[in-house]
Amino acid sequence: MDPKDFLVLADKLVNNFQNEAAFRTSVSRSYYALHTFMSNFFLKEKFDIAKDEKRHKKIYYYLHNCGIEEIKDIASALDDLRHDRNRADYEMDTVCHKKNARFAFIKASKAYEIFSRHINNPTSKSELKTGIREYIKRTTNQKSI
């Protein structure tokens, strides 16, 4: 499955329905579009990412610590979207408005586009992978001290 299909669905939900269930689902799909896209990249490039709920944080830490400011911003967007998704999926006592869903969709779409640009540019992709490997090496060395 193409993760971008989740973005298409999120957009349709926020634009074609006027109920909270659609808005909550849109927020969730926006997050998972970006998360799945990034997961696929890490798996394809043979980075160790967890196969459970730790995967979310591991991807965040890899991106946040790779040394590329624009990627660091994407990590923050991913983390924000995860919190939004958790609220949408689990906090039924709070209201999820159309504007929340629209904002999540826009944030996920922009981050998806920027990440796509980086991984489709050989130089940027190499810098990203090198930065992540250096972060892994630093954190591995700290744990063994």
C-alpha atoms as a PDB file:
ATOM      1  CA  MET A   1       0.000   0.000   0.000  1.00  0.00           C
ATOM      2  CA  ASP A   2       1.158   3.505  -0.774  1.00  0.00           C
ATOM      3  CA  PRO A   3       1.164   5.560   2.476  1.00  0.00           C
ATOM      4  CA  LYS A   4       0.105   8.602   0.464  1.00  0.00           C
ATOM      5  CA  ASP A   5      -3.307   6.926   0.112  1.00  0.00           C
ATOM      6  CA  PHE A   6      -3.801   7.696   3.809  1.00  0.00           C
ATOM      7  CA  LEU A   7      -3.325  11.394   3.015  1.00  0.00           C
ATOM      8  CA  VAL A   8      -5.856  11.189   0.212  1.00  0.00           C
ATOM      9  CA  LEU A   9      -8.328   9.595   2.596  1.00  0.00           C
ATOM     10  CA  ALA A  10      -7.613  12.167   5.328  1.00  0.00           C
ATOM     11  CA  ASP A  11      -8.288  14.971   2.856  1.00  0.00           C
ATOM     12  CA  LYS A  12     -11.556  13.395   1.705  1.00  0.00           C
ATOM     13  CA  LEU A  13     -12.724  12.875   5.273  1.00  0.00           C
ATOM     14  CA  VAL A  14     -12.082  16.447   6.318  1.00  0.00           C
ATOM     15  CA  ASN A  15     -13.622  17.934   3.160  1.00  0.00           C
ATOM     16  CA  ASN A  16     -16.585  15.644   2.515  1.00  0.00           C
ATOM     17  CA  PHE A  17     -17.921  14.944   5.999  1.00  0.00           C
ATOM     18  CA  GLN A  18     -19.108  17.241   8.735  1.00  0.00           C
ATOM     19  CA  ASN A  19     -18.894  15.034  11.799  1.00  0.00           C
ATOM     20  CA  GLU A  20     -16.394  14.494  14.549  1.00  0.00           C
ATOM     21  CA  ALA A  21     -15.793  10.840  13.733  1.00  0.00           C
ATOM     22  CA  ALA A  22     -14.578  11.835  10.267  1.00  0.00           C
ATOM     23  CA  PHE A  23     -12.369  14.587  11.705  1.00  0.00           C
ATOM     24  CA  ARG A  24     -10.829  12.228  14.268  1.00  0.00           C
ATOM     25  CA  THR A  25     -10.196   9.597  11.606  1.00  0.00           C
ATOM     26  CA  SER A  26      -8.672  12.227   9.331  1.00  0.00           C
ATOM     27  CA  VAL A  27      -6.200  13.261  12.050  1.00  0.00           C
ATOM     28  CA  SER A  28      -5.271   9.621  12.611  1.00  0.00           C
ATOM     29  CA  ARG A  29      -4.777   8.874   8.904  1.00  0.00           C
ATOM     30  CA  SER A  30      -2.705  12.050   8.434  1.00  0.00           C
ATOM     31  CA  TYR A  31      -0.314  10.883  11.118  1.00  0.00           C
ATOM     32  CA  TYR A  32      -0.135   7.330   9.809  1.00  0.00           C
ATOM     33  CA  ALA A  33       0.551   8.508   6.261  1.00  0.00           C
ATOM     34  CA  LEU A  34       3.695  10.255   7.433  1.00  0.00           C
ATOM     35  CA  HIS A  35       4.691   7.592   9.953  1.00  0.00           C
ATOM     36  CA  THR A  36       4.263   4.729   7.470  1.00  0.00           C
ATOM     37  CA  PHE A  37       6.140   6.605   4.745  1.00  0.00           C
ATOM     38  CA  MET A  38       9.060   7.147   7.098  1.00  0.00           C
ATOM     39  CA  SER A  39       8.919   3.577   8.436  1.00  0.00           C
ATOM     40  CA  ASN A  40       9.149   2.267   4.888  1.00  0.00           C
ATOM     41  CA  PHE A  41      12.238   4.392   4.280  1.00  0.00           C
ATOM     42  CA  PHE A  42      13.982   3.129   7.413  1.00  0.00           C
ATOM     43  CA  LEU A  43      13.126  -0.478   6.671  1.00  0.00           C
ATOM     44  CA  LYS A  44      14.288  -0.184   3.060  1.00  0.00           C
ATOM     45  CA  GLU A  45      17.568   1.372   4.184  1.00  0.00           C
ATOM     46  CA  LYS A  46      18.034  -1.395   6.788  1.00  0.00           C
ATOM     47  CA  PHE A  47      17.921   0.842   9.856  1.00  0.00           C
ATOM     48  CA  ASP A  48      16.954  -0.855  13.074  1.00  0.00           C
ATOM     49  CA  ILE A  49      13.477   0.347  13.951  1.00  0.00           C
ATOM     50  CA  ALA A  50      11.361  -1.442  16.486  1.00  0.00           C
ATOM     51  CA  LYS A  51       8.391  -3.563  15.451  1.00  0.00           C
ATOM     52  CA  ASP A  52       6.184  -2.368  18.297  1.00  0.00           C
ATOM     53  CA  GLU A  53       5.062   0.949  19.765  1.00  0.00           C
ATOM     54  CA  LYS A  54       8.720   1.956  20.225  1.00  0.00           C
ATOM     55  CA  ARG A  55       8.988   2.455  16.458  1.00  0.00           C
ATOM     56  CA  HIS A  56       7.251   5.822  16.713  1.00  0.00           C
ATOM     57  CA  LYS A  57       9.835   7.242  19.098  1.00  0.00           C
ATOM     58  CA  LYS A  58      12.801   5.604  17.399  1.00  0.00           C
ATOM     59  CA  ILE A  59      11.949   7.269  14.082  1.00  0.00           C
ATOM     60  CA  TYR A  60      11.509  10.577  15.882  1.00  0.00           C
ATOM     61  CA  TYR A  61      14.925  10.307  17.561  1.00  0.00           C
ATOM     62  CA  TYR A  62      16.667   9.306  14.331  1.00  0.00           C
ATOM     63  CA  LEU A  63      15.217  12.274  12.478  1.00  0.00           C
ATOM     64  CA  HIS A  64      15.556  14.754  15.316  1.00  0.00           C
ATOM     65  CA  ASN A  65      19.243  13.941  15.797  1.00  0.00           C
ATOM     66  CA  CYS A  66      20.441  13.548  12.201  1.00  0.00           C
ATOM     67  CA  GLY A  67      21.934  17.053  12.060  1.00  0.00           C
ATOM     68  CA  ILE A  68      19.736  18.430   9.271  1.00  0.00           C
ATOM     69  CA  GLU A  69      17.544  21.317  10.464  1.00  0.00           C
ATOM     70  CA  GLU A  70      14.751  20.748   7.951  1.00  0.00           C
ATOM     71  CA  ILE A  71      14.587  17.073   8.934  1.00  0.00           C
ATOM     72  CA  LYS A  72      14.590  18.080  12.598  1.00  0.00           C
ATOM     73  CA  ASP A  73      11.485  20.170  11.838  1.00  0.00           C
ATOM     74  CA  ILE A  74       9.878  17.115  10.217  1.00  0.00           C
ATOM     75  CA  ALA A  75      10.634  15.111  13.364  1.00  0.00           C
ATOM     76  CA  SER A  76       8.824  17.760  15.399  1.00  0.00           C
ATOM     77  CA  ALA A  77       5.868  17.661  13.006  1.00  0.00           C
ATOM     78  CA  LEU A  78       5.759  13.865  13.293  1.00  0.00           C
ATOM     79  CA  ASP A  79       5.820  14.075  17.084  1.00  0.00           C
ATOM     80  CA  ASP A  80       3.081  16.753  17.110  1.00  0.00           C
ATOM     81  CA  LEU A  81       0.967  14.616  14.790  1.00  0.00           C
ATOM     82  CA  ARG A  82       1.413  11.599  17.037  1.00  0.00           C
ATOM     83  CA  HIS A  83       0.103  13.574  19.994  1.00  0.00           C
ATOM     84  CA  ASP A  84      -2.796  14.823  17.846  1.00  0.00           C
ATOM     85  CA  ARG A  85      -3.520  11.247  16.765  1.00  0.00           C
ATOM     86  CA  ASN A  86      -3.493  10.045  20.371  1.00  0.00           C
ATOM     87  CA  ARG A  87      -5.970  12.768  21.343  1.00  0.00           C
ATOM     88  CA  ALA A  88      -8.174  11.991  18.352  1.00  0.00           C
ATOM     89  CA  ASP A  89      -8.144   8.245  18.987  1.00  0.00           C
ATOM     90  CA  TYR A  90      -8.229   8.085  22.775  1.00  0.00           C
ATOM     91  CA  GLU A  91      -9.463  11.320  24.335  1.00  0.00           C
ATOM     92  CA  MET A  92     -13.152  11.209  23.615  1.00  0.00           C
ATOM     93  CA  ASP A  93     -13.886  13.848  26.242  1.00  0.00           C
ATOM     94  CA  THR A  94     -12.203  16.495  24.084  1.00  0.00           C
ATOM     95  CA  VAL A  95     -13.728  17.802  20.865  1.00  0.00           C
ATOM     96  CA  CYS A  96     -11.963  17.355  17.542  1.00  0.00           C
ATOM     97  CA  HIS A  97     -13.000  20.117  15.152  1.00  0.00           C
ATOM     98  CA  LYS A  98     -12.686  20.320  11.402  1.00  0.00           C
ATOM     99  CA  LYS A  99      -9.891  22.872  11.817  1.00  0.00           C
ATOM    100  CA  ASN A 100      -7.900  20.313  13.892  1.00  0.00           C
ATOM    101  CA  ALA A 101      -8.237  17.738  11.126  1.00  0.00           C
ATOM    102  CA  ARG A 102      -7.380  20.249   8.399  1.00  0.00           C
ATOM    103  CA  PHE A 103      -4.308  21.424  10.288  1.00  0.00           C
ATOM    104  CA  ALA A 104      -3.108  17.840  10.835  1.00  0.00           C
ATOM    105  CA  PHE A 105      -3.597  17.076   7.140  1.00  0.00           C
ATOM    106  CA  ILE A 106      -1.638  20.161   6.069  1.00  0.00           C
ATOM    107  CA  LYS A 107       1.176  19.470   8.538  1.00  0.00           C
ATOM    108  CA  ALA A 108       1.450  15.833   7.438  1.00  0.00           C
ATOM    109  CA  SER A 109       1.318  16.748   3.744  1.00  0.00           C
ATOM    110  CA  LYS A 110       4.087  19.331   4.037  1.00  0.00           C
ATOM    111  CA  ALA A 111       6.311  17.020   6.080  1.00  0.00           C
ATOM    112  CA  TYR A 112       5.645  14.162   3.642  1.00  0.00           C
ATOM    113  CA  GLU A 113       6.647  16.387   0.719  1.00  0.00           C
ATOM    114  CA  ILE A 114       9.839  17.635   2.384  1.00  0.00           C
ATOM    115  CA  PHE A 115      10.904  14.150   3.495  1.00  0.00           C
ATOM    116  CA  SER A 116      10.192  12.836   0.008  1.00  0.00           C
ATOM    117  CA  ARG A 117      12.369  15.557  -1.490  1.00  0.00           C
ATOM    118  CA  HIS A 118      15.246  14.623   0.827  1.00  0.00           C
ATOM    119  CA  ILE A 119      15.135  10.891   0.232  1.00  0.00           C
ATOM    120  CA  ASN A 120      14.767  11.295  -3.540  1.00  0.00           C
ATOM    121  CA  ASN A 121      17.828  13.531  -3.781  1.00  0.00           C
ATOM    122  CA  PRO A 122      20.967  11.348  -3.642  1.00  0.00           C
ATOM    123  CA  THR A 123      23.059  13.976  -1.814  1.00  0.00           C
ATOM    124  CA  SER A 124      20.383  14.778   0.768  1.00  0.00           C
ATOM    125  CA  LYS A 125      19.610  11.101   1.264  1.00  0.00           C
ATOM    126  CA  SER A 126      23.280  10.344   1.869  1.00  0.00           C
ATOM    127  CA  GLU A 127      23.557  13.209   4.383  1.00  0.00           C
ATOM    128  CA  LEU A 128      20.443  11.967   6.163  1.00  0.00           C
ATOM    129  CA  LYS A 129      21.673   8.396   6.388  1.00  0.00           C
ATOM    130  CA  THR A 130      25.131   9.511   7.542  1.00  0.00           C
ATOM    131  CA  GLY A 131      23.630  11.779  10.205  1.00  0.00           C
ATOM    132  CA  ILE A 132      21.447   8.970  11.517  1.00  0.00           C
ATOM    133  CA  ARG A 133      24.363   6.518  11.588  1.00  0.00           C
ATOM    134  CA  GLU A 134      26.458   9.045  13.509  1.00  0.00           C
ATOM    135  CA  TYR A 135      23.626   9.514  16.001  1.00  0.00           C
ATOM    136  CA  ILE A 136      23.332   5.749  16.438  1.00  0.00           C
ATOM    137  CA  LYS A 137      27.087   5.469  16.954  1.00  0.00           C
ATOM    138  CA  ARG A 138      27.065   8.285  19.555  1.00  0.00           C
ATOM    139  CA  THR A 139      24.198   6.799  21.517  1.00  0.00           C
ATOM    140  CA  THR A 140      25.603   3.268  21.311  1.00  0.00           C
ATOM    141  CA  ASN A 141      28.983   4.487  22.616  1.00  0.00           C
ATOM    142  CA  GLN A 142      27.331   6.376  25.482  1.00  0.00           C
ATOM    143  CA  LYS A 143      25.470   3.252  26.597  1.00  0.00           C
ATOM    144  CA  SER A 144      28.651   1.182  26.676  1.00  0.00           C
ATOM    145  CA  ILE A 145      30.573   3.667  28.864  1.00  0.00           C
END
